Amino acid sequence: MKQQRFQIDGPRVRELRERLGLRQLDFAPRCGLSPAALSNVELGYRGASPRVIVAIARELGVGFDDITIDTMKPRRPPLGALSA
């Protein structure tokens, strides 16, 4: 299976959704997902297609980059690790 370059940041999606006061039950259909599928995305149990990522970003009022992780970029170490 080919690794996707962009991975959805589920916890970030949940944070933004909750900030807008939206329940999964109401938000999921607006993105083309069932509430259970949205829950799995937010928990990191399942990924999302680029089409679904764009729909989620649109409904949250943010850009694609705001809710994705570029898997081709090296990850930075946590800030605490730099001072050790």
C-alpha atoms as a PDB file:
ATOM      1  CA  MET A   1       0.000   0.000   0.000  1.00  0.00           C
ATOM      2  CA  LYS A   2       1.355   3.405  -0.989  1.00  0.00           C
ATOM      3  CA  GLN A   3       1.889   5.867   1.849  1.00  0.00           C
ATOM      4  CA  GLN A   4      -0.013   9.108   1.454  1.00  0.00           C
ATOM      5  CA  ARG A   5       2.004  12.271   1.654  1.00  0.00           C
ATOM      6  CA  PHE A   6      -0.557  14.125   3.757  1.00  0.00           C
ATOM      7  CA  GLN A   7      -2.068  12.644   6.867  1.00  0.00           C
ATOM      8  CA  ILE A   8      -5.032  14.237   8.588  1.00  0.00           C
ATOM      9  CA  ASP A   9      -4.351  15.576  12.092  1.00  0.00           C
ATOM     10  CA  GLY A  10      -7.366  14.114  13.892  1.00  0.00           C
ATOM     11  CA  PRO A  11      -6.855  15.780  17.285  1.00  0.00           C
ATOM     12  CA  ARG A  12      -6.541  19.160  15.528  1.00  0.00           C
ATOM     13  CA  VAL A  13      -9.813  18.512  13.661  1.00  0.00           C
ATOM     14  CA  ARG A  14     -11.543  17.699  16.954  1.00  0.00           C
ATOM     15  CA  GLU A  15     -10.107  20.818  18.629  1.00  0.00           C
ATOM     16  CA  LEU A  16     -11.316  23.093  15.818  1.00  0.00           C
ATOM     17  CA  ARG A  17     -14.729  21.412  15.616  1.00  0.00           C
ATOM     18  CA  GLU A  18     -15.269  21.763  19.358  1.00  0.00           C
ATOM     19  CA  ARG A  19     -14.130  25.390  19.266  1.00  0.00           C
ATOM     20  CA  LEU A  20     -16.935  26.024  16.788  1.00  0.00           C
ATOM     21  CA  GLY A  21     -19.388  24.309  19.136  1.00  0.00           C
ATOM     22  CA  LEU A  22     -20.202  21.580  16.610  1.00  0.00           C
ATOM     23  CA  ARG A  23     -21.158  18.040  17.578  1.00  0.00           C
ATOM     24  CA  GLN A  24     -19.866  15.065  15.584  1.00  0.00           C
ATOM     25  CA  LEU A  25     -23.467  14.124  14.852  1.00  0.00           C
ATOM     26  CA  ASP A  26     -24.068  17.464  13.096  1.00  0.00           C
ATOM     27  CA  PHE A  27     -20.627  18.023  11.588  1.00  0.00           C
ATOM     28  CA  ALA A  28     -19.932  14.589  10.052  1.00  0.00           C
ATOM     29  CA  PRO A  29     -22.661  14.658   7.347  1.00  0.00           C
ATOM     30  CA  ARG A  30     -21.485  18.103   6.234  1.00  0.00           C
ATOM     31  CA  CYS A  31     -18.129  16.471   5.421  1.00  0.00           C
ATOM     32  CA  GLY A  32     -19.552  13.368   3.780  1.00  0.00           C
ATOM     33  CA  LEU A  33     -18.822  11.111   6.754  1.00  0.00           C
ATOM     34  CA  SER A  34     -20.834   9.178   9.294  1.00  0.00           C
ATOM     35  CA  PRO A  35     -20.406  10.259  12.928  1.00  0.00           C
ATOM     36  CA  ALA A  36     -18.549   6.977  13.609  1.00  0.00           C
ATOM     37  CA  ALA A  37     -16.134   7.594  10.721  1.00  0.00           C
ATOM     38  CA  LEU A  38     -15.482  11.160  11.917  1.00  0.00           C
ATOM     39  CA  SER A  39     -14.811   9.847  15.417  1.00  0.00           C
ATOM     40  CA  ASN A  40     -12.283   7.369  14.003  1.00  0.00           C
ATOM     41  CA  VAL A  41     -10.576  10.142  12.023  1.00  0.00           C
ATOM     42  CA  GLU A  42     -10.359  12.385  15.093  1.00  0.00           C
ATOM     43  CA  LEU A  43      -8.951   9.542  17.206  1.00  0.00           C
ATOM     44  CA  GLY A  44      -6.378   8.669  14.544  1.00  0.00           C
ATOM     45  CA  TYR A  45      -7.810   5.200  13.905  1.00  0.00           C
ATOM     46  CA  ARG A  46      -8.521   5.976  10.276  1.00  0.00           C
ATOM     47  CA  GLY A  47      -7.158   8.294   7.627  1.00  0.00           C
ATOM     48  CA  ALA A  48      -9.089  10.405   5.165  1.00  0.00           C
ATOM     49  CA  SER A  49      -8.947  10.873   1.422  1.00  0.00           C
ATOM     50  CA  PRO A  50      -7.816  14.235   0.049  1.00  0.00           C
ATOM     51  CA  ARG A  51     -11.454  14.920  -0.941  1.00  0.00           C
ATOM     52  CA  VAL A  52     -12.630  14.376   2.645  1.00  0.00           C
ATOM     53  CA  ILE A  53      -9.749  16.446   4.063  1.00  0.00           C
ATOM     54  CA  VAL A  54     -10.738  19.343   1.787  1.00  0.00           C
ATOM     55  CA  ALA A  55     -14.392  19.009   2.858  1.00  0.00           C
ATOM     56  CA  ILE A  56     -13.447  19.000   6.556  1.00  0.00           C
ATOM     57  CA  ALA A  57     -11.169  22.021   6.120  1.00  0.00           C
ATOM     58  CA  ARG A  58     -13.897  23.906   4.234  1.00  0.00           C
ATOM     59  CA  GLU A  59     -16.492  23.190   6.934  1.00  0.00           C
ATOM     60  CA  LEU A  60     -14.045  24.258   9.668  1.00  0.00           C
ATOM     61  CA  GLY A  61     -13.132  27.432   7.771  1.00  0.00           C
ATOM     62  CA  VAL A  62      -9.422  26.577   7.664  1.00  0.00           C
ATOM     63  CA  GLY A  63      -6.893  25.604   5.009  1.00  0.00           C
ATOM     64  CA  PHE A  64      -5.781  22.099   4.028  1.00  0.00           C
ATOM     65  CA  ASP A  65      -2.404  22.682   5.704  1.00  0.00           C
ATOM     66  CA  ASP A  66      -4.079  23.581   9.002  1.00  0.00           C
ATOM     67  CA  ILE A  67      -5.415  20.048   9.523  1.00  0.00           C
ATOM     68  CA  THR A  68      -2.781  17.889   7.837  1.00  0.00           C
ATOM     69  CA  ILE A  69       0.688  16.615   8.590  1.00  0.00           C
ATOM     70  CA  ASP A  70       3.155  16.403   5.708  1.00  0.00           C
ATOM     71  CA  THR A  71       4.593  12.900   6.128  1.00  0.00           C
ATOM     72  CA  MET A  72       7.525  13.696   3.812  1.00  0.00           C
ATOM     73  CA  LYS A  73       8.863  16.447   6.094  1.00  0.00           C
ATOM     74  CA  PRO A  74      11.182  15.390   8.908  1.00  0.00           C
ATOM     75  CA  ARG A  75       9.500  15.826  12.262  1.00  0.00           C
ATOM     76  CA  ARG A  76      10.986  18.297  14.696  1.00  0.00           C
ATOM     77  CA  PRO A  77      11.928  17.017  18.144  1.00  0.00           C
ATOM     78  CA  PRO A  78       9.723  18.248  21.008  1.00  0.00           C
ATOM     79  CA  LEU A  79      10.933  21.514  22.539  1.00  0.00           C
ATOM     80  CA  GLY A  80      11.797  19.835  25.826  1.00  0.00           C
ATOM     81  CA  ALA A  81      14.139  17.440  24.046  1.00  0.00           C
ATOM     82  CA  LEU A  82      16.320  20.318  22.842  1.00  0.00           C
ATOM     83  CA  SER A  83      17.235  21.531  26.327  1.00  0.00           C
ATOM     84  CA  ALA A  84      18.136  18.108  27.700  1.00  0.00           C
END
